[in-house]
Amino acid sequence: MSTATRVIPTQLTVREIAALIDHSLLRPELTDDDVRRGCALADRYNTWSVCVRPADVALAARLLASTSVAVGTVVGFPHGHSTTESKLFETRRALDDGAREIDMVINIGALRGGKHDYVEDEIAQIVQAAHSAHGLAKVILENAYLSDEQIVEGSRLGERAGAEFIKTSTGFAPGGATVHDLLLMVGATSPKVQIKAAGGVRTLDRLLEFVAIGVTRFGATATAAILDEATQRSADGAALPVPATYHDEGAADAATH
């Protein structure tokens, strides 16, 4: 599979760019007031969602109840080494508290160790729990710790398990989203699976670069800066162009194996 099988826009309005962003509120030092300010920012800029820590889901759901901004949260975050049972408890509690999107971290060591059945089964259980509450699931691979072949395999496992999104990173590992890794993920999955980039998406140009690859969702803390720049560039309301698609021969080769 290739980026040619995905529908990639040639231009985006500021509102459409905002709708690609999950505003991230995951840093460990955030207070309730920080979460309130972050939710207000997401509402003001009309982002797709906020992604908050599990303990903040109920607060975010109350704050955003009368808005169009969805509430998402993380499970098994950031290392992914919780038991499947713990991840399921986190998922169900988050959904009960008002979350509609679950960003789960896979068991990274299990994928690296070749325990593919374990990884796929765990993802499938989280997906089923999310779907039972009319939610959706995103699978965080944490690419910084994976080889190209493991990124490809993890992406395929996530699709087979029924997840709506495959996601690059937590934002707390040594590296975040890269063109190379995103091309691997896009090439390893069908167009029905969406790709989320997180970690290092701090500028409008970087976001648009990733859109050209096939990314449809972004985890970002620099939301205001990205969207303010988009507004400045589109002072007359015109849509902003998406750059040409990027090509990475190494990623294409790995995805075919």
Foldseek 3Di string as FASTA:
>chain_A
DALVQADFDFWFFLLLLQQQEAEEDEDPPDDPVNVLVSLVVNQVSVHQEHEYELVCLLVSCVSCVPGNHAYEYEFCPDQQPDDLVRRLVSLLSSLVSGHQEYEYEFNQVCLVVVVLVVRLVSLLSSQVSNVVSPHFYEYENQCVPDDLLSLLSNLLSNVVSPHQEYEHHPQPDPAFDDLLSLRLNNLSDHNSHAYEGEHPPQELLSVLLSSQRGHRHYYDNNSVRHSVVSCVVCVVRDIGGRDHHDDDVVSNVSSVD
